[in-house]
Amino acid sequence: MTRAPVMHFGSAKRAAELKFYLDSSENFKPSPLFLTCCRFAGLQSLKCAIAGKNLYLRFSCSTGDAMGMNMVLKGVQNVMDFRQTDFPDIDVMGISGNFCSDKKPTAVNRIEGKGKSVVCEAVIKGNVVRRVLKTSVEALVKVNMLKNLTGSAMARALGGFNAHASNIVTAIYIATGQDPAQNVESSHCITMMEAVDDGKDLHVSVTMPSIEVGTVGGGTQLASQSACLNLLEVKGANREAPGSNSWLLATVVAGSVLARELSLTSALTAGQLVKSHMRYNRSNNDVSKVSS
């Protein structure tokens, strides 16, 4: 998990001095100050970015099975208070300066990652593509390229090279007590499809670099959300391997996204999307007939 405070100095030279100080491997050490706020919070890396007289520090931290945003916030505050003894002219303008970056679609999260970074893949046999998905491997690969990759590039997408990853991420987040607003960066996803086995079968994958989930704290303590986490066998903290429960939940998110990416892209390719919406749309006057 990341948090990035912004600090203001009297000159760009002074801001650069702190940047060069922190960039040196001799001066960077995982700080025990993080452990004073939570025993599962550990500083892993620090990335500095300068803008004029302002310096942004992107702290990357381990957080066990917690999503850990507030945990990291406390640790960063401890470090900021401590660092002012060596750099008394630091003016911390904000404990979060948006270089983190939280609840916003940003390139830094796509490149650096945030939370859990997951790649999920599957090979779908050609006969399953024809019989169940009602299309062909060749057609799926072409539509994925034109829609999810080229179409998203035409729209200058940051992380939205997919059919509808956000729908699945949001649904799982609400069901398992995550922060629904974090679906913005957690839905960064590239969906890829490729013909394999001499073109007979389909290889499909989703790459999701910033899935932010936790299995302790926050909304995970609510009754319905706890029940869903128990159903997935990931509720609470894993005492033997801290962080493994939240990692497993992140893989569930990615696996669910892959399944729905395949389903929607197939519906588009087979020309079934509008027909399905018309049949199952709850605002349809004939919904009672469909239900019966």
C-alpha atoms as a PDB file:
ATOM      1  CA  MET A   1       0.000   0.000   0.000  1.00  0.00           C
ATOM      2  CA  THR A   2       1.213   3.507  -0.767  1.00  0.00           C
ATOM      3  CA  ARG A   3       0.910   6.983   0.699  1.00  0.00           C
ATOM      4  CA  ALA A   4       2.658  10.091  -0.620  1.00  0.00           C
ATOM      5  CA  PRO A   5       2.950  13.274   1.458  1.00  0.00           C
ATOM      6  CA  VAL A   6       3.857  16.570  -0.208  1.00  0.00           C
ATOM      7  CA  MET A   7       6.439  18.868   1.413  1.00  0.00           C
ATOM      8  CA  HIS A   8       7.224  22.498   0.628  1.00  0.00           C
ATOM      9  CA  PHE A   9      10.676  24.076   1.004  1.00  0.00           C
ATOM     10  CA  GLY A  10      12.040  27.584   0.751  1.00  0.00           C
ATOM     11  CA  SER A  11      13.933  26.722  -2.432  1.00  0.00           C
ATOM     12  CA  ALA A  12      14.120  24.033  -5.093  1.00  0.00           C
ATOM     13  CA  LYS A  13      17.739  23.462  -4.028  1.00  0.00           C
ATOM     14  CA  ARG A  14      16.649  22.530  -0.519  1.00  0.00           C
ATOM     15  CA  ALA A  15      13.956  20.176  -1.828  1.00  0.00           C
ATOM     16  CA  ALA A  16      16.565  18.518  -4.060  1.00  0.00           C
ATOM     17  CA  GLU A  17      18.906  18.036  -1.101  1.00  0.00           C
ATOM     18  CA  LEU A  18      16.327  15.913   0.708  1.00  0.00           C
ATOM     19  CA  LYS A  19      15.574  14.021  -2.513  1.00  0.00           C
ATOM     20  CA  PHE A  20      19.242  13.152  -3.063  1.00  0.00           C
ATOM     21  CA  TYR A  21      19.563  12.223   0.611  1.00  0.00           C
ATOM     22  CA  LEU A  22      16.646   9.786   0.399  1.00  0.00           C
ATOM     23  CA  ASP A  23      17.697   8.431  -3.006  1.00  0.00           C
ATOM     24  CA  SER A  24      20.959   7.209  -1.496  1.00  0.00           C
ATOM     25  CA  SER A  25      20.871   3.542  -0.505  1.00  0.00           C
ATOM     26  CA  GLU A  26      23.097   4.393   2.455  1.00  0.00           C
ATOM     27  CA  ASN A  27      20.403   6.621   3.954  1.00  0.00           C
ATOM     28  CA  PHE A  28      17.369   4.446   3.229  1.00  0.00           C
ATOM     29  CA  LYS A  29      16.609   1.822   5.837  1.00  0.00           C
ATOM     30  CA  PRO A  30      13.247   0.155   6.563  1.00  0.00           C
ATOM     31  CA  SER A  31      12.038   2.270   9.455  1.00  0.00           C
ATOM     32  CA  PRO A  32      11.051   0.729  12.800  1.00  0.00           C
ATOM     33  CA  LEU A  33       8.788   3.765  13.218  1.00  0.00           C
ATOM     34  CA  PHE A  34       6.223   1.987  11.072  1.00  0.00           C
ATOM     35  CA  LEU A  35       6.054  -0.844  13.579  1.00  0.00           C
ATOM     36  CA  THR A  36       5.016   1.576  16.313  1.00  0.00           C
ATOM     37  CA  CYS A  37       1.626   2.050  14.638  1.00  0.00           C
ATOM     38  CA  CYS A  38       1.029  -1.588  13.663  1.00  0.00           C
ATOM     39  CA  ARG A  39       3.190  -4.696  13.831  1.00  0.00           C
ATOM     40  CA  PHE A  40       2.192  -5.689  10.282  1.00  0.00           C
ATOM     41  CA  ALA A  41       3.182  -2.360   8.662  1.00  0.00           C
ATOM     42  CA  GLY A  42       6.644  -2.390   7.110  1.00  0.00           C
ATOM     43  CA  LEU A  43       8.331   0.162   4.859  1.00  0.00           C
ATOM     44  CA  GLN A  44       9.523  -1.517   1.652  1.00  0.00           C
ATOM     45  CA  SER A  45      10.522   1.295  -0.688  1.00  0.00           C
ATOM     46  CA  LEU A  46      10.461   5.056  -1.157  1.00  0.00           C
ATOM     47  CA  LYS A  47      10.143   6.953  -4.446  1.00  0.00           C
ATOM     48  CA  CYS A  48      10.877  10.705  -4.603  1.00  0.00           C
ATOM     49  CA  ALA A  49       9.500  13.163  -7.163  1.00  0.00           C
ATOM     50  CA  ILE A  50      10.277  16.887  -7.220  1.00  0.00           C
ATOM     51  CA  ALA A  51       8.198  19.758  -8.621  1.00  0.00           C
ATOM     52  CA  GLY A  52       9.834  23.155  -8.113  1.00  0.00           C
ATOM     53  CA  LYS A  53      10.169  23.759  -4.381  1.00  0.00           C
ATOM     54  CA  ASN A  54       7.914  20.793  -3.582  1.00  0.00           C
ATOM     55  CA  LEU A  55       8.898  17.207  -2.885  1.00  0.00           C
ATOM     56  CA  TYR A  56       6.571  14.183  -3.055  1.00  0.00           C
ATOM     57  CA  LEU A  57       7.528  10.971  -1.261  1.00  0.00           C
ATOM     58  CA  ARG A  58       5.720   7.778  -2.318  1.00  0.00           C
ATOM     59  CA  PHE A  59       5.997   5.312   0.566  1.00  0.00           C
ATOM     60  CA  SER A  60       5.318   1.665  -0.377  1.00  0.00           C
ATOM     61  CA  CYS A  61       4.569  -0.582   2.579  1.00  0.00           C
ATOM     62  CA  SER A  62       3.544  -4.115   3.476  1.00  0.00           C
ATOM     63  CA  THR A  63       0.292  -4.310   5.466  1.00  0.00           C
ATOM     64  CA  GLY A  64      -0.381  -7.989   6.193  1.00  0.00           C
ATOM     65  CA  ASP A  65      -3.988  -8.998   5.531  1.00  0.00           C
ATOM     66  CA  ALA A  66      -5.303  -5.448   5.968  1.00  0.00           C
ATOM     67  CA  MET A  67      -5.874  -3.164   2.991  1.00  0.00           C
ATOM     68  CA  GLY A  68      -3.818  -0.842   5.176  1.00  0.00           C
ATOM     69  CA  MET A  69      -4.463   2.699   3.955  1.00  0.00           C
ATOM     70  CA  ASN A  70      -4.935   4.135   7.452  1.00  0.00           C
ATOM     71  CA  MET A  71      -2.148   1.943   8.808  1.00  0.00           C
ATOM     72  CA  VAL A  72       0.322   3.379   6.304  1.00  0.00           C
ATOM     73  CA  LEU A  73      -0.969   6.877   6.979  1.00  0.00           C
ATOM     74  CA  LYS A  74       0.018   6.548  10.652  1.00  0.00           C
ATOM     75  CA  GLY A  75       3.449   5.206   9.758  1.00  0.00           C
ATOM     76  CA  VAL A  76       4.112   8.031   7.299  1.00  0.00           C
ATOM     77  CA  GLN A  77       3.081  10.579   9.907  1.00  0.00           C
ATOM     78  CA  ASN A  78       5.598   9.083  12.348  1.00  0.00           C
ATOM     79  CA  VAL A  79       8.381   9.321   9.763  1.00  0.00           C
ATOM     80  CA  MET A  80       7.465  12.897   8.851  1.00  0.00           C
ATOM     81  CA  ASP A  81       7.602  13.938  12.503  1.00  0.00           C
ATOM     82  CA  PHE A  82      10.985  12.222  12.926  1.00  0.00           C
ATOM     83  CA  ARG A  83      12.513  13.619   9.716  1.00  0.00           C
ATOM     84  CA  GLN A  84      11.851  17.195  10.776  1.00  0.00           C
ATOM     85  CA  THR A  85      14.650  16.858  13.339  1.00  0.00           C
ATOM     86  CA  ASP A  86      17.172  16.635  10.439  1.00  0.00           C
ATOM     87  CA  PHE A  87      15.267  18.908   8.053  1.00  0.00           C
ATOM     88  CA  PRO A  88      13.552  21.474  10.299  1.00  0.00           C
ATOM     89  CA  ASP A  89      12.555  23.599   7.297  1.00  0.00           C
ATOM     90  CA  ILE A  90      10.195  20.889   5.985  1.00  0.00           C
ATOM     91  CA  ASP A  91       6.661  22.218   5.644  1.00  0.00           C
ATOM     92  CA  VAL A  92       4.362  19.220   5.266  1.00  0.00           C
ATOM     93  CA  MET A  93       1.535  20.631   3.153  1.00  0.00           C
ATOM     94  CA  GLY A  94      -0.457  17.409   3.121  1.00  0.00           C
ATOM     95  CA  ILE A  95       0.071  13.888   4.453  1.00  0.00           C
ATOM     96  CA  SER A  96      -1.402  12.733   1.132  1.00  0.00           C
ATOM     97  CA  GLY A  97      -0.317  14.662  -1.944  1.00  0.00           C
ATOM     98  CA  ASN A  98      -2.054  12.510  -4.620  1.00  0.00           C
ATOM     99  CA  PHE A  99       1.199  10.906  -5.804  1.00  0.00           C
ATOM    100  CA  CYS A 100      -0.058   7.808  -3.914  1.00  0.00           C
ATOM    101  CA  SER A 101      -2.536   7.733  -5.800  1.00  0.00           C
ATOM    102  CA  ASP A 102      -5.863   6.829  -4.173  1.00  0.00           C
ATOM    103  CA  LYS A 103      -9.274   6.582  -5.895  1.00  0.00           C
ATOM    104  CA  LYS A 104      -7.997   8.128  -9.126  1.00  0.00           C
ATOM    105  CA  PRO A 105      -6.989   6.568 -12.479  1.00  0.00           C
ATOM    106  CA  THR A 106      -3.258   7.302 -12.707  1.00  0.00           C
ATOM    107  CA  ALA A 107      -0.292   6.063 -14.703  1.00  0.00           C
ATOM    108  CA  VAL A 108       1.835   5.683 -11.550  1.00  0.00           C
ATOM    109  CA  ASN A 109      -0.469   2.967 -10.187  1.00  0.00           C
ATOM    110  CA  ARG A 110      -0.512   1.254 -13.577  1.00  0.00           C
ATOM    111  CA  ILE A 111       3.290   1.238 -13.782  1.00  0.00           C
ATOM    112  CA  GLU A 112       4.408   0.921 -10.144  1.00  0.00           C
ATOM    113  CA  GLY A 113       1.472  -1.130  -8.875  1.00  0.00           C
ATOM    114  CA  LYS A 114      -0.504  -0.622  -5.682  1.00  0.00           C
ATOM    115  CA  GLY A 115      -2.077  -3.139  -3.340  1.00  0.00           C
ATOM    116  CA  LYS A 116      -1.837  -6.540  -5.034  1.00  0.00           C
ATOM    117  CA  SER A 117      -0.614  -7.075  -8.605  1.00  0.00           C
ATOM    118  CA  VAL A 118      -2.218 -10.157 -10.165  1.00  0.00           C
ATOM    119  CA  VAL A 119      -2.108 -11.907 -13.541  1.00  0.00           C
ATOM    120  CA  CYS A 120      -4.780 -14.542 -14.181  1.00  0.00           C
ATOM    121  CA  GLU A 121      -4.825 -16.810 -17.250  1.00  0.00           C
ATOM    122  CA  ALA A 122      -6.790 -19.682 -18.751  1.00  0.00           C
ATOM    123  CA  VAL A 123      -6.865 -21.792 -21.883  1.00  0.00           C
ATOM    124  CA  ILE A 124     -10.347 -22.367 -23.313  1.00  0.00           C
ATOM    125  CA  LYS A 125     -10.723 -25.276 -25.685  1.00  0.00           C
ATOM    126  CA  GLY A 126     -11.974 -24.416 -29.145  1.00  0.00           C
ATOM    127  CA  ASN A 127     -15.004 -26.693 -28.876  1.00  0.00           C
ATOM    128  CA  VAL A 128     -16.048 -24.875 -25.677  1.00  0.00           C
ATOM    129  CA  VAL A 129     -15.693 -21.521 -27.448  1.00  0.00           C
ATOM    130  CA  ARG A 130     -17.988 -22.750 -30.238  1.00  0.00           C
ATOM    131  CA  ARG A 131     -20.489 -24.702 -28.141  1.00  0.00           C
ATOM    132  CA  VAL A 132     -20.815 -22.527 -25.022  1.00  0.00           C
ATOM    133  CA  LEU A 133     -19.681 -19.049 -26.067  1.00  0.00           C
ATOM    134  CA  LYS A 134     -21.312 -19.303 -29.534  1.00  0.00           C
ATOM    135  CA  THR A 135     -18.360 -17.834 -31.401  1.00  0.00           C
ATOM    136  CA  SER A 136     -14.883 -18.748 -32.668  1.00  0.00           C
ATOM    137  CA  VAL A 137     -11.346 -18.348 -31.351  1.00  0.00           C
ATOM    138  CA  GLU A 138     -10.372 -16.227 -34.336  1.00  0.00           C
ATOM    139  CA  ALA A 139     -13.339 -13.867 -33.905  1.00  0.00           C
ATOM    140  CA  LEU A 140     -12.744 -13.453 -30.155  1.00  0.00           C
ATOM    141  CA  VAL A 141      -9.081 -12.578 -30.654  1.00  0.00           C
ATOM    142  CA  LYS A 142      -9.980  -9.994 -33.301  1.00  0.00           C
ATOM    143  CA  VAL A 143     -12.765  -8.318 -31.287  1.00  0.00           C
ATOM    144  CA  ASN A 144     -10.583  -8.188 -28.171  1.00  0.00           C
ATOM    145  CA  MET A 145      -7.829  -6.511 -30.163  1.00  0.00           C
ATOM    146  CA  LEU A 146     -10.147  -3.987 -31.823  1.00  0.00           C
ATOM    147  CA  LYS A 147     -12.275  -3.210 -28.743  1.00  0.00           C
ATOM    148  CA  ASN A 148     -10.263  -3.757 -25.573  1.00  0.00           C
ATOM    149  CA  LEU A 149      -6.837  -2.808 -26.916  1.00  0.00           C
ATOM    150  CA  THR A 150      -7.103  -0.547 -29.985  1.00  0.00           C
ATOM    151  CA  GLY A 151     -10.414   1.042 -28.989  1.00  0.00           C
ATOM    152  CA  SER A 152      -9.108   1.863 -25.526  1.00  0.00           C
ATOM    153  CA  ALA A 153      -5.941   3.336 -27.057  1.00  0.00           C
ATOM    154  CA  MET A 154      -8.115   5.515 -29.309  1.00  0.00           C
ATOM    155  CA  ALA A 155      -9.856   6.759 -26.167  1.00  0.00           C
ATOM    156  CA  ARG A 156      -6.434   7.400 -24.544  1.00  0.00           C
ATOM    157  CA  ALA A 157      -7.318   5.083 -21.651  1.00  0.00           C
ATOM    158  CA  LEU A 158      -4.953   4.925 -18.677  1.00  0.00           C
ATOM    159  CA  GLY A 159      -5.794   1.480 -17.353  1.00  0.00           C
ATOM    160  CA  GLY A 160      -9.058   0.564 -19.023  1.00  0.00           C
ATOM    161  CA  PHE A 161      -7.909  -1.910 -21.669  1.00  0.00           C
ATOM    162  CA  ASN A 162     -10.755  -4.280 -20.868  1.00  0.00           C
ATOM    163  CA  ALA A 163     -14.463  -4.880 -21.484  1.00  0.00           C
ATOM    164  CA  HIS A 164     -15.924  -4.108 -18.047  1.00  0.00           C
ATOM    165  CA  ALA A 165     -13.578  -5.077 -15.216  1.00  0.00           C
ATOM    166  CA  SER A 166     -14.992  -2.301 -13.029  1.00  0.00           C
ATOM    167  CA  ASN A 167     -18.423  -3.972 -12.827  1.00  0.00           C
ATOM    168  CA  ILE A 168     -16.953  -7.101 -11.276  1.00  0.00           C
ATOM    169  CA  VAL A 169     -14.493  -5.316  -8.986  1.00  0.00           C
ATOM    170  CA  THR A 170     -17.223  -3.067  -7.573  1.00  0.00           C
ATOM    171  CA  ALA A 171     -19.614  -5.964  -6.962  1.00  0.00           C
ATOM    172  CA  ILE A 172     -17.002  -8.036  -5.110  1.00  0.00           C
ATOM    173  CA  TYR A 173     -15.817  -5.005  -3.136  1.00  0.00           C
ATOM    174  CA  ILE A 174     -19.335  -4.264  -1.865  1.00  0.00           C
ATOM    175  CA  ALA A 175     -19.964  -7.933  -1.071  1.00  0.00           C
ATOM    176  CA  THR A 176     -16.707  -8.405   0.879  1.00  0.00           C
ATOM    177  CA  GLY A 177     -16.508  -5.078   2.739  1.00  0.00           C
ATOM    178  CA  GLN A 178     -13.841  -3.315   0.684  1.00  0.00           C
ATOM    179  CA  ASP A 179     -13.805   0.407  -0.122  1.00  0.00           C
ATOM    180  CA  PRO A 180     -16.013   0.621  -3.261  1.00  0.00           C
ATOM    181  CA  ALA A 181     -14.408   3.911  -4.332  1.00  0.00           C
ATOM    182  CA  GLN A 182     -11.094   2.122  -4.755  1.00  0.00           C
ATOM    183  CA  ASN A 183     -12.530   0.273  -7.726  1.00  0.00           C
ATOM    184  CA  VAL A 184     -11.155   3.244  -9.721  1.00  0.00           C
ATOM    185  CA  GLU A 185      -7.528   2.115  -9.504  1.00  0.00           C
ATOM    186  CA  SER A 186      -8.311  -1.520  -8.692  1.00  0.00           C
ATOM    187  CA  SER A 187     -10.079  -1.858 -12.063  1.00  0.00           C
ATOM    188  CA  HIS A 188      -6.888  -1.100 -13.996  1.00  0.00           C
ATOM    189  CA  CYS A 189      -6.835  -4.142 -16.242  1.00  0.00           C
ATOM    190  CA  ILE A 190      -5.465  -5.333 -19.577  1.00  0.00           C
ATOM    191  CA  THR A 191      -7.442  -8.170 -21.136  1.00  0.00           C
ATOM    192  CA  MET A 192      -5.499 -10.185 -23.716  1.00  0.00           C
ATOM    193  CA  MET A 193      -6.590 -13.041 -25.991  1.00  0.00           C
ATOM    194  CA  GLU A 194      -4.437 -15.199 -28.230  1.00  0.00           C
ATOM    195  CA  ALA A 195      -4.987 -18.261 -30.404  1.00  0.00           C
ATOM    196  CA  VAL A 196      -2.851 -21.186 -29.199  1.00  0.00           C
ATOM    197  CA  ASP A 197      -2.376 -24.867 -30.087  1.00  0.00           C
ATOM    198  CA  ASP A 198      -2.117 -24.106 -33.818  1.00  0.00           C
ATOM    199  CA  GLY A 199      -5.063 -21.721 -33.573  1.00  0.00           C
ATOM    200  CA  LYS A 200      -7.496 -24.293 -32.191  1.00  0.00           C
ATOM    201  CA  ASP A 201      -7.772 -23.021 -28.599  1.00  0.00           C
ATOM    202  CA  LEU A 202      -7.980 -19.638 -26.849  1.00  0.00           C
ATOM    203  CA  HIS A 203      -5.537 -18.262 -24.285  1.00  0.00           C
ATOM    204  CA  VAL A 204      -7.104 -15.437 -22.267  1.00  0.00           C
ATOM    205  CA  SER A 205      -5.518 -13.385 -19.482  1.00  0.00           C
ATOM    206  CA  VAL A 206      -6.168 -10.345 -17.326  1.00  0.00           C
ATOM    207  CA  THR A 207      -3.355  -8.270 -15.820  1.00  0.00           C
ATOM    208  CA  MET A 208      -4.420  -6.178 -12.826  1.00  0.00           C
ATOM    209  CA  PRO A 209      -1.568  -4.215 -11.165  1.00  0.00           C
ATOM    210  CA  SER A 210      -3.400  -2.446  -8.342  1.00  0.00           C
ATOM    211  CA  ILE A 211      -6.058  -4.556  -6.599  1.00  0.00           C
ATOM    212  CA  GLU A 212      -6.596  -3.024  -3.138  1.00  0.00           C
ATOM    213  CA  VAL A 213      -8.212  -5.503  -0.778  1.00  0.00           C
ATOM    214  CA  GLY A 214      -8.072  -6.590   2.838  1.00  0.00           C
ATOM    215  CA  THR A 215      -9.630  -9.347   4.925  1.00  0.00           C
ATOM    216  CA  VAL A 216      -9.462  -7.534   8.279  1.00  0.00           C
ATOM    217  CA  GLY A 217     -10.666  -4.120   9.390  1.00  0.00           C
ATOM    218  CA  GLY A 218     -13.111  -1.684   7.847  1.00  0.00           C
ATOM    219  CA  GLY A 219     -16.226  -3.092   6.215  1.00  0.00           C
ATOM    220  CA  THR A 220     -14.963  -6.677   6.471  1.00  0.00           C
ATOM    221  CA  GLN A 221     -16.364  -6.723  10.018  1.00  0.00           C
ATOM    222  CA  LEU A 222     -19.976  -6.245   8.862  1.00  0.00           C
ATOM    223  CA  ALA A 223     -22.193  -9.324   9.168  1.00  0.00           C
ATOM    224  CA  SER A 224     -23.058  -9.884   5.495  1.00  0.00           C
ATOM    225  CA  GLN A 225     -19.550  -9.032   4.324  1.00  0.00           C
ATOM    226  CA  SER A 226     -18.011 -11.358   6.928  1.00  0.00           C
ATOM    227  CA  ALA A 227     -20.274 -14.136   5.661  1.00  0.00           C
ATOM    228  CA  CYS A 228     -19.014 -13.636   2.107  1.00  0.00           C
ATOM    229  CA  LEU A 229     -15.387 -13.669   3.253  1.00  0.00           C
ATOM    230  CA  ASN A 230     -16.048 -16.848   5.245  1.00  0.00           C
ATOM    231  CA  LEU A 231     -17.609 -18.390   2.149  1.00  0.00           C
ATOM    232  CA  LEU A 232     -14.346 -17.689   0.310  1.00  0.00           C
ATOM    233  CA  GLU A 233     -12.369 -18.990   3.335  1.00  0.00           C
ATOM    234  CA  VAL A 234     -10.321 -15.787   3.608  1.00  0.00           C
ATOM    235  CA  LYS A 235     -11.912 -14.050   6.614  1.00  0.00           C
ATOM    236  CA  GLY A 236      -9.550 -12.411   9.088  1.00  0.00           C
ATOM    237  CA  ALA A 237      -5.770 -12.423   9.375  1.00  0.00           C
ATOM    238  CA  ASN A 238      -3.675 -15.439   8.510  1.00  0.00           C
ATOM    239  CA  ARG A 239      -1.452 -15.975  11.564  1.00  0.00           C
ATOM    240  CA  GLU A 240       0.897 -18.467   9.904  1.00  0.00           C
ATOM    241  CA  ALA A 241       1.451 -16.457   6.698  1.00  0.00           C
ATOM    242  CA  PRO A 242       0.388 -12.820   7.215  1.00  0.00           C
ATOM    243  CA  GLY A 243      -0.992 -11.347   4.019  1.00  0.00           C
ATOM    244  CA  SER A 244      -1.895 -14.643   2.334  1.00  0.00           C
ATOM    245  CA  ASN A 245      -5.647 -14.223   2.940  1.00  0.00           C
ATOM    246  CA  SER A 246      -5.745 -10.849   1.244  1.00  0.00           C
ATOM    247  CA  TRP A 247      -3.586 -12.215  -1.588  1.00  0.00           C
ATOM    248  CA  LEU A 248      -6.084 -15.029  -2.123  1.00  0.00           C
ATOM    249  CA  LEU A 249      -8.958 -12.530  -2.181  1.00  0.00           C
ATOM    250  CA  ALA A 250      -7.096 -10.521  -4.839  1.00  0.00           C
ATOM    251  CA  THR A 251      -6.796 -13.656  -6.988  1.00  0.00           C
ATOM    252  CA  VAL A 252     -10.536 -14.247  -6.592  1.00  0.00           C
ATOM    253  CA  VAL A 253     -11.142 -10.727  -7.899  1.00  0.00           C
ATOM    254  CA  ALA A 254      -8.878 -11.282 -10.903  1.00  0.00           C
ATOM    255  CA  GLY A 255     -10.337 -14.715 -11.661  1.00  0.00           C
ATOM    256  CA  SER A 256     -13.874 -13.327 -11.560  1.00  0.00           C
ATOM    257  CA  VAL A 257     -12.869 -10.478 -13.853  1.00  0.00           C
ATOM    258  CA  LEU A 258     -11.348 -12.948 -16.331  1.00  0.00           C
ATOM    259  CA  ALA A 259     -14.550 -15.020 -16.430  1.00  0.00           C
ATOM    260  CA  ARG A 260     -16.739 -11.988 -17.078  1.00  0.00           C
ATOM    261  CA  GLU A 261     -14.337 -10.488 -19.616  1.00  0.00           C
ATOM    262  CA  LEU A 262     -14.610 -13.731 -21.573  1.00  0.00           C
ATOM    263  CA  SER A 263     -18.389 -13.758 -21.225  1.00  0.00           C
ATOM    264  CA  LEU A 264     -18.982 -10.160 -22.320  1.00  0.00           C
ATOM    265  CA  THR A 265     -16.488 -10.213 -25.183  1.00  0.00           C
ATOM    266  CA  SER A 266     -18.086 -13.432 -26.413  1.00  0.00           C
ATOM    267  CA  ALA A 267     -21.567 -11.879 -26.233  1.00  0.00           C
ATOM    268  CA  LEU A 268     -20.338  -8.897 -28.246  1.00  0.00           C
ATOM    269  CA  THR A 269     -18.641 -11.136 -30.806  1.00  0.00           C
ATOM    270  CA  ALA A 270     -21.701 -13.367 -31.185  1.00  0.00           C
ATOM    271  CA  GLY A 271     -24.064 -10.380 -31.441  1.00  0.00           C
ATOM    272  CA  GLN A 272     -25.949 -11.456 -28.302  1.00  0.00           C
ATOM    273  CA  LEU A 273     -25.402  -8.441 -26.040  1.00  0.00           C
ATOM    274  CA  VAL A 274     -28.470  -6.363 -26.955  1.00  0.00           C
ATOM    275  CA  LYS A 275     -30.690  -9.440 -27.126  1.00  0.00           C
ATOM    276  CA  SER A 276     -29.617 -10.473 -23.620  1.00  0.00           C
ATOM    277  CA  HIS A 277     -30.235  -7.000 -22.224  1.00  0.00           C
ATOM    278  CA  MET A 278     -33.683  -6.883 -23.768  1.00  0.00           C
ATOM    279  CA  ARG A 279     -34.538 -10.275 -22.344  1.00  0.00           C
ATOM    280  CA  TYR A 280     -33.296  -9.767 -18.786  1.00  0.00           C
ATOM    281  CA  ASN A 281     -33.651  -6.012 -18.281  1.00  0.00           C
ATOM    282  CA  ARG A 282     -35.828  -5.529 -15.204  1.00  0.00           C
ATOM    283  CA  SER A 283     -37.474  -2.438 -16.663  1.00  0.00           C
ATOM    284  CA  ASN A 284     -38.865  -4.560 -19.497  1.00  0.00           C
ATOM    285  CA  ASN A 285     -42.646  -4.857 -19.392  1.00  0.00           C
ATOM    286  CA  ASP A 286     -42.363  -8.581 -20.083  1.00  0.00           C
ATOM    287  CA  VAL A 287     -40.079  -9.268 -17.102  1.00  0.00           C
ATOM    288  CA  SER A 288     -42.853 -11.191 -15.326  1.00  0.00           C
ATOM    289  CA  LYS A 289     -43.090 -13.556 -18.280  1.00  0.00           C
ATOM    290  CA  VAL A 290     -39.324 -14.088 -18.254  1.00  0.00           C
ATOM    291  CA  SER A 291     -39.329 -14.749 -14.504  1.00  0.00           C
ATOM    292  CA  SER A 292     -42.134 -17.233 -14.768  1.00  0.00           C
END
